[in-house]
């Protein structure tokens, strides 16, 4: 009898250990099944190349690192910093997650961000997050120069006009700027504070009521940043300048050339300016490019193709060409050609 009680006691102990082990294993498996591995794919609007226009430098517009934060079920959180546009987070609890990402440039300035709400249930989930440039205001400071011997210093003035790219249309942007003149130096500085975005800046140089020269440039404003640049008014310059280099959002630049036909230009003779793209972003064609032409800082109405027919007057004239692709942020670029009519 005593032996039977001992065997019964040992058997009960064995069953207790077995049940306890099963429960622990079951709990661990259940807990493990509630965890997931999340892969984030970050698509940054700032990874691009840039043309010669009035923009922040490429380093200032390029993302070098990302800071990722998440808030999940029951107050679960995570933080991660990475330089890669694809990263994996292991052991996240299944459920609803609020994930935000901020991208920083080489100077540790926040330039892009993105966020969203995601319901994660698969054991290996993949989330795509598109990052856009931060909204807000940025400053600009542009130096303009001219030959002081060709303009009356007491009557010389600079007139500016701005157009903002919104929904694939250029909208007149009526905003105050500040023009500072440096007396006797043939030099002025244009300062302003604009909403972040892409603009056309048209500038004209006057001596009294007489318009001496003008130009148009692409102007890029980045939130919480100062864009600096410079340009020179052309008064009687005979140099010809061909070529174009545009940039596209997350794509390599559109590259092409402008040709004039005939090359020797005489008065009362029609000539044709033609832009031909030689390299386009993957997935886009030349017929998707939109164009705007300017003469001495004034838009040429009705000219929206890559071909411009003109009959210039005698002298030197500056033509500016702008190009962009509908719906692709950041593609606006510009180039110029100086036409000399003998």
Protein backbone atom coordinates (compact mmCIF):
# COMPACT_ATOMS: atom_id res chain seq x y z
CA UNK A 1 0.00 0.00 0.00
CA UNK A 2 2.74 2.40 0.86
CA UNK A 3 4.47 1.64 -2.45
CA UNK A 4 1.24 2.27 -4.37
CA UNK A 5 0.79 5.71 -2.74
CA UNK A 6 4.37 6.59 -3.64
CA UNK A 7 3.83 5.59 -7.29
CA UNK A 8 0.57 7.57 -7.37
CA UNK A 9 2.30 10.62 -5.89
CA UNK A 10 5.12 10.42 -8.46
CA UNK A 11 2.58 10.05 -11.28
CA UNK A 12 0.65 13.12 -10.16
CA UNK A 13 3.89 15.12 -9.96
CA UNK A 14 4.83 13.99 -13.48
CA UNK A 15 1.43 15.00 -14.84
CA UNK A 16 1.67 18.40 -13.13
CA UNK A 17 5.10 19.07 -14.66
CA UNK A 18 3.85 17.89 -18.06
CA UNK A 19 0.78 20.13 -17.92
CA UNK A 20 2.83 23.10 -16.73
CA UNK A 21 5.39 22.58 -19.50
CA UNK A 22 2.62 22.33 -22.10
CA UNK A 23 1.01 25.52 -20.83
CA UNK A 24 4.28 27.43 -20.93
CA UNK A 25 5.07 26.13 -24.40
CA UNK A 26 1.57 26.96 -25.59
CA UNK A 27 1.80 30.48 -24.16
CA UNK A 28 5.18 31.04 -25.75
CA UNK A 29 3.92 29.82 -29.12
CA UNK A 30 0.84 32.01 -28.80
CA UNK A 31 2.98 35.02 -27.90
CA UNK A 32 5.34 34.25 -30.79
CA UNK A 33 2.41 34.01 -33.22
CA UNK A 34 1.36 37.53 -32.20
CA UNK A 35 4.72 38.97 -33.29
CA UNK A 36 5.60 40.03 -36.83
CA UNK A 37 8.60 41.19 -38.85
CA UNK A 38 7.94 44.50 -40.65
CA UNK A 39 9.91 45.68 -43.69
CA UNK A 40 9.66 49.40 -44.46
CA UNK A 41 10.35 50.64 -48.00
CA UNK A 42 10.96 54.40 -48.02
CA UNK A 43 10.44 56.27 -51.28
CA UNK A 44 12.07 59.69 -50.95
CA UNK A 45 11.18 62.63 -53.15
CA UNK A 46 14.59 64.12 -52.40
CA UNK A 47 16.80 61.52 -54.09
CA UNK A 48 17.47 63.28 -57.37
CA UNK A 49 19.92 65.32 -59.39
CA UNK A 50 19.67 69.01 -60.08
CA UNK A 51 20.14 71.41 -62.95
CA UNK A 52 21.87 74.76 -62.86
CA UNK A 53 19.10 76.93 -61.47
CA UNK A 54 18.40 78.76 -58.23
CA UNK A 55 18.05 75.84 -55.84
CA UNK A 56 19.58 74.55 -52.62
CA UNK A 57 22.65 72.42 -53.25
CA UNK A 58 22.29 68.72 -54.08
CA UNK A 59 23.67 67.78 -50.65
CA UNK A 60 21.04 69.95 -48.97
CA UNK A 61 18.25 68.29 -50.98
CA UNK A 62 19.47 64.70 -50.61
CA UNK A 63 18.35 62.48 -47.72
CA UNK A 64 21.27 60.92 -45.84
CA UNK A 65 19.41 59.30 -42.93
CA UNK A 66 15.92 58.42 -41.75
CA UNK A 67 14.44 58.44 -38.23
CA UNK A 68 11.50 56.04 -37.87
CA UNK A 69 8.98 56.02 -35.00
CA UNK A 70 6.00 53.78 -34.37
CA UNK A 71 3.18 53.53 -31.81
CA UNK A 72 1.26 50.25 -31.73
CA UNK A 73 -1.19 48.18 -29.67
CA UNK A 74 -1.18 48.62 -25.88
CA UNK A 75 1.24 51.55 -26.12
CA UNK A 76 4.00 49.50 -27.78
CA UNK A 77 6.60 51.76 -29.42
CA UNK A 78 9.76 51.55 -31.49
CA UNK A 79 12.44 53.95 -32.73
CA UNK A 80 15.05 53.33 -35.39
CA UNK A 81 17.61 55.37 -37.33
CA UNK A 82 18.91 54.13 -40.68
CA UNK A 83 20.60 55.37 -43.85
CA UNK A 84 18.88 52.73 -45.99
CA UNK A 85 15.59 53.20 -47.82
CA UNK A 86 14.58 49.66 -46.87
CA UNK A 87 14.75 48.42 -43.29
CA UNK A 88 13.27 45.52 -41.29
CA UNK A 89 11.83 45.75 -37.76
CA UNK A 90 11.52 42.40 -35.95
CA UNK A 91 9.20 41.33 -33.13
CA UNK A 92 6.40 43.88 -33.53
CA UNK A 93 3.04 43.07 -31.97
CA UNK A 94 0.25 42.43 -34.47
CA UNK A 95 -2.38 45.13 -34.81
CA UNK A 96 -2.75 48.82 -35.61
CA UNK A 97 0.47 50.88 -35.92
CA UNK A 98 1.01 54.61 -36.41
CA UNK A 99 4.35 54.95 -38.23
CA UNK A 100 6.15 58.22 -39.02
CA UNK A 101 9.43 58.85 -40.83
CA UNK A 102 11.58 61.98 -41.05
CA UNK A 103 14.48 62.27 -43.51
CA UNK A 104 17.52 64.44 -42.81
CA UNK A 105 20.13 65.91 -45.13
CA UNK A 106 23.90 65.97 -44.65
CA UNK A 107 23.57 69.04 -42.38
CA UNK A 108 21.15 67.14 -40.09
CA UNK A 109 18.25 69.32 -41.27
CA UNK A 110 14.81 67.71 -41.61
CA UNK A 111 13.75 68.00 -45.26
CA UNK A 112 11.19 65.23 -45.92
CA UNK A 113 8.59 63.35 -43.91
CA UNK A 114 5.83 60.81 -44.23
CA UNK A 115 3.42 58.93 -41.97
CA UNK A 116 0.45 56.63 -41.99
CA UNK A 117 -1.75 54.15 -40.14
CA UNK A 118 -1.15 50.49 -40.91
CA UNK A 119 -2.88 47.29 -39.76
CA UNK A 120 -0.20 44.62 -39.52
CA UNK A 121 -1.29 41.00 -39.22
CA UNK A 122 0.92 38.91 -41.52
CA UNK A 123 4.02 37.41 -39.92
CA UNK A 124 6.17 39.17 -42.52
CA UNK A 125 4.60 42.50 -43.49
CA UNK A 126 5.89 45.06 -46.00
CA UNK A 127 4.87 48.73 -45.87
CA UNK A 128 5.69 51.39 -48.48
CA UNK A 129 5.95 54.95 -47.16
CA UNK A 130 6.34 57.86 -49.58
CA UNK A 131 8.21 60.85 -48.18
CA UNK A 132 7.51 64.36 -49.45
CA UNK A 133 9.31 67.64 -48.88
CA UNK A 134 8.27 69.37 -45.66
CA UNK A 135 5.64 72.04 -45.98
CA UNK A 136 6.22 75.46 -44.50
CA UNK A 137 8.14 78.55 -45.48
CA UNK A 138 11.67 79.08 -46.70
CA UNK A 139 13.78 82.11 -47.54
CA UNK A 140 15.74 83.09 -50.62
CA UNK A 141 18.47 85.59 -51.38
CA UNK A 142 19.44 86.23 -55.00
CA UNK A 143 22.18 88.57 -56.21
CA UNK A 144 21.70 90.15 -59.65
CA UNK A 145 24.40 92.03 -61.53
CA UNK A 146 24.67 94.26 -64.60
CA UNK A 147 27.26 96.41 -66.32
CA UNK A 148 27.05 99.67 -64.39
CA UNK A 149 28.42 101.59 -67.39
CA UNK A 150 25.34 100.63 -69.44
CA UNK A 151 22.70 101.92 -67.03
CA UNK A 152 22.01 105.25 -65.31
CA UNK A 153 22.69 104.49 -61.62
CA UNK A 154 20.12 107.08 -60.51
CA UNK A 155 17.31 105.58 -62.60
CA UNK A 156 18.06 101.84 -62.57
CA UNK A 157 15.52 99.50 -61.01
CA UNK A 158 14.69 95.79 -60.83
CA UNK A 159 11.15 94.44 -61.30
CA UNK A 160 10.28 90.88 -60.18
CA UNK A 161 7.36 88.60 -61.06
CA UNK A 162 6.73 85.12 -59.60
CA UNK A 163 4.70 82.09 -60.71
CA UNK A 164 4.14 79.02 -58.53
CA UNK A 165 3.71 75.50 -59.88
CA UNK A 166 0.43 74.11 -58.47
CA UNK A 167 -1.54 71.18 -59.92
CA UNK A 168 0.57 71.31 -63.08
CA UNK A 169 -0.29 74.98 -63.68
CA UNK A 170 1.80 78.11 -63.15
CA UNK A 171 -0.22 80.47 -60.96
CA UNK A 172 0.80 84.13 -60.51
CA UNK A 173 2.23 84.39 -57.01
CA UNK A 174 1.53 87.84 -55.62
CA UNK A 175 3.85 88.31 -52.68
CA UNK A 176 6.11 91.06 -51.42
CA UNK A 177 9.86 90.72 -51.72
CA UNK A 178 12.65 93.13 -50.85
CA UNK A 179 15.18 94.49 -53.35
CA UNK A 180 18.34 95.98 -51.88
CA UNK A 181 20.45 98.14 -54.23
CA UNK A 182 24.19 98.65 -53.94
CA UNK A 183 24.67 102.15 -55.30
CA UNK A 184 27.22 102.54 -58.06
CA UNK A 185 28.09 98.82 -58.21
CA UNK A 186 25.64 97.44 -60.79
CA UNK A 187 24.37 95.05 -58.12
CA UNK A 188 21.10 94.35 -56.31
CA UNK A 189 19.96 91.64 -53.89
CA UNK A 190 16.45 90.16 -54.00
CA UNK A 191 15.25 88.72 -50.67
CA UNK A 192 12.00 87.02 -49.77
CA UNK A 193 10.15 84.36 -47.77
CA UNK A 194 7.88 81.98 -49.71
CA UNK A 195 5.92 78.79 -49.19
CA UNK A 196 8.00 75.71 -50.01
CA UNK A 197 7.70 74.69 -53.66
CA UNK A 198 8.84 75.35 -57.24
CA UNK A 199 8.53 78.78 -58.85
CA UNK A 200 9.40 80.71 -61.97
CA UNK A 201 11.15 83.98 -61.16
CA UNK A 202 11.04 86.58 -63.95
CA UNK A 203 13.28 89.62 -63.41
CA UNK A 204 13.54 92.77 -65.53
CA UNK A 205 16.11 95.57 -65.40
CA UNK A 206 14.91 99.11 -66.13
CA UNK A 207 16.64 102.43 -66.55
CA UNK A 208 13.81 104.87 -65.98
CA UNK A 209 10.92 103.68 -68.20
CA UNK A 210 13.28 101.84 -70.57
CA UNK A 211 13.61 98.06 -70.23
CA UNK A 212 17.28 97.14 -70.59
CA UNK A 213 17.27 93.40 -70.04
CA UNK A 214 15.52 90.50 -68.36
CA UNK A 215 15.76 86.83 -67.49
CA UNK A 216 13.68 84.02 -66.02
CA UNK A 217 14.91 81.25 -63.72
CA UNK A 218 13.56 78.24 -61.88
CA UNK A 219 13.45 78.98 -58.12
CA UNK A 220 13.23 76.16 -55.58
CA UNK A 221 12.19 76.93 -51.99
CA UNK A 222 12.76 74.40 -49.20
CA UNK A 223 10.99 74.71 -45.83
CA UNK A 224 13.11 76.19 -43.03
CA UNK A 225 15.98 76.79 -45.44
CA UNK A 226 17.53 79.74 -47.29
CA UNK A 227 18.05 79.31 -51.04
CA UNK A 228 20.84 81.47 -52.44
CA UNK A 229 21.79 82.18 -56.04
CA UNK A 230 22.94 84.80 -58.51
CA UNK A 231 22.46 85.86 -62.12
CA UNK A 232 23.71 88.53 -64.49
CA UNK A 233 21.61 90.69 -66.78
CA UNK A 234 22.76 90.47 -70.40
CA UNK A 235 22.95 93.87 -72.07
CA UNK A 236 24.47 93.52 -75.53
CA UNK A 237 26.16 90.15 -74.92
CA UNK A 238 26.78 88.20 -78.17
CA UNK A 239 27.72 84.82 -76.67
CA UNK A 240 25.55 81.87 -77.71
CA UNK A 241 24.74 79.33 -75.03
CA UNK A 242 23.18 75.99 -75.98
CA UNK A 243 22.23 72.97 -73.85
CA UNK A 244 19.74 71.95 -71.24
CA UNK A 245 19.76 69.91 -68.04
CA UNK A 246 16.54 69.35 -66.12
CA UNK A 247 15.93 67.29 -62.99
CA UNK A 248 13.07 64.95 -62.24
CA UNK A 249 11.58 63.83 -58.96
CA UNK A 250 13.34 60.57 -57.97
CA UNK A 251 14.68 60.19 -61.52
CA UNK A 252 17.85 61.09 -63.41
CA UNK A 253 17.73 64.51 -65.13
CA UNK A 254 16.14 65.08 -68.50
CA UNK A 255 19.06 66.00 -70.76
CA UNK A 256 18.91 67.53 -74.24
CA UNK A 257 20.14 70.27 -76.55
CA UNK A 258 18.72 73.43 -78.13
CA UNK A 259 19.63 74.16 -81.74
CA UNK A 260 19.00 77.28 -83.83
CA UNK A 261 18.30 77.10 -87.56
CA UNK A 262 19.79 78.83 -89.41
CA UNK A 263 22.84 79.42 -87.22
CA UNK A 264 23.62 82.80 -88.82
CA UNK A 265 20.72 85.11 -88.03
CA UNK A 266 19.93 88.24 -90.02
CA UNK A 267 17.19 90.83 -89.62
CA UNK A 268 13.71 90.05 -91.01
CA UNK A 269 14.51 86.33 -91.33
CA UNK A 270 12.55 83.66 -89.43
CA UNK A 271 14.58 81.23 -87.33
CA UNK A 272 13.59 78.12 -85.40
CA UNK A 273 14.76 77.16 -81.91
CA UNK A 274 14.36 73.44 -81.19
CA UNK A 275 14.90 71.52 -77.97
CA UNK A 276 15.65 67.80 -78.43
CA UNK A 277 15.78 65.53 -75.35
CA UNK A 278 18.60 62.98 -75.37
CA UNK A 279 17.84 61.25 -72.06
CA UNK A 280 14.51 60.76 -70.29
CA UNK A 281 13.53 59.22 -66.92
CA UNK A 282 12.48 55.58 -67.11
CA UNK A 283 8.83 55.24 -68.00
CA UNK A 284 8.43 58.69 -69.56
CA UNK A 285 8.40 59.89 -73.16
CA UNK A 286 9.26 63.20 -74.82
CA UNK A 287 5.60 63.98 -75.55
CA UNK A 288 4.92 64.13 -71.78
CA UNK A 289 7.20 67.17 -71.32
CA UNK A 290 5.48 70.56 -70.97
CA UNK A 291 7.22 73.77 -72.10
CA UNK A 292 7.10 77.52 -71.49
CA UNK A 293 9.20 80.08 -73.38
CA UNK A 294 10.23 83.52 -72.13
CA UNK A 295 11.79 86.49 -73.96
CA UNK A 296 13.74 88.93 -71.80
CA UNK A 297 11.77 87.81 -68.73
CA UNK A 298 8.30 87.98 -70.35
CA UNK A 299 6.33 84.85 -71.20
CA UNK A 300 5.68 84.24 -74.90
CA UNK A 301 1.95 83.53 -75.00
CA UNK A 302 0.78 80.41 -76.78
CA UNK A 303 4.22 78.81 -77.14
CA UNK A 304 4.01 75.47 -75.32
CA UNK A 305 6.03 73.07 -77.48
CA UNK A 306 9.73 72.30 -77.79
CA UNK A 307 9.89 74.28 -81.06
CA UNK A 308 9.82 78.07 -81.19
CA UNK A 309 9.72 80.08 -84.44
CA UNK A 310 10.86 83.69 -84.09
CA UNK A 311 11.79 86.69 -86.20
CA UNK A 312 14.11 88.64 -83.90
CA UNK A 313 14.92 92.29 -84.24
CA UNK A 314 18.50 93.42 -84.68
CA UNK A 315 20.64 93.02 -81.57
CA UNK A 316 20.98 90.48 -78.76
CA UNK A 317 17.98 88.74 -77.17
CA UNK A 318 17.69 86.22 -74.32
CA UNK A 319 15.23 83.34 -74.58
CA UNK A 320 14.52 81.15 -71.52
CA UNK A 321 12.96 77.69 -71.79
CA UNK A 322 11.20 75.90 -68.91
CA UNK A 323 10.22 72.23 -68.98
CA UNK A 324 8.45 69.89 -66.57
CA UNK A 325 6.42 66.67 -66.48
CA UNK A 326 2.81 66.80 -65.29
CA UNK A 327 2.23 65.36 -61.84
CA UNK A 328 5.90 64.73 -61.06
CA UNK A 329 7.00 67.08 -58.27
CA UNK A 330 10.36 68.77 -58.69
CA UNK A 331 10.80 68.31 -62.46
CA UNK A 332 10.81 72.02 -63.31
CA UNK A 333 14.09 73.07 -64.92
CA UNK A 334 15.33 75.83 -67.18
CA UNK A 335 17.90 76.78 -69.77
CA UNK A 336 18.61 79.84 -71.90
CA UNK A 337 19.87 80.79 -75.34
CA UNK A 338 21.21 84.18 -76.42
CA UNK A 339 20.21 85.02 -79.99
CA UNK A 340 22.31 87.56 -81.91
CA UNK A 341 20.66 89.12 -84.95
CA UNK A 342 23.04 90.94 -87.28
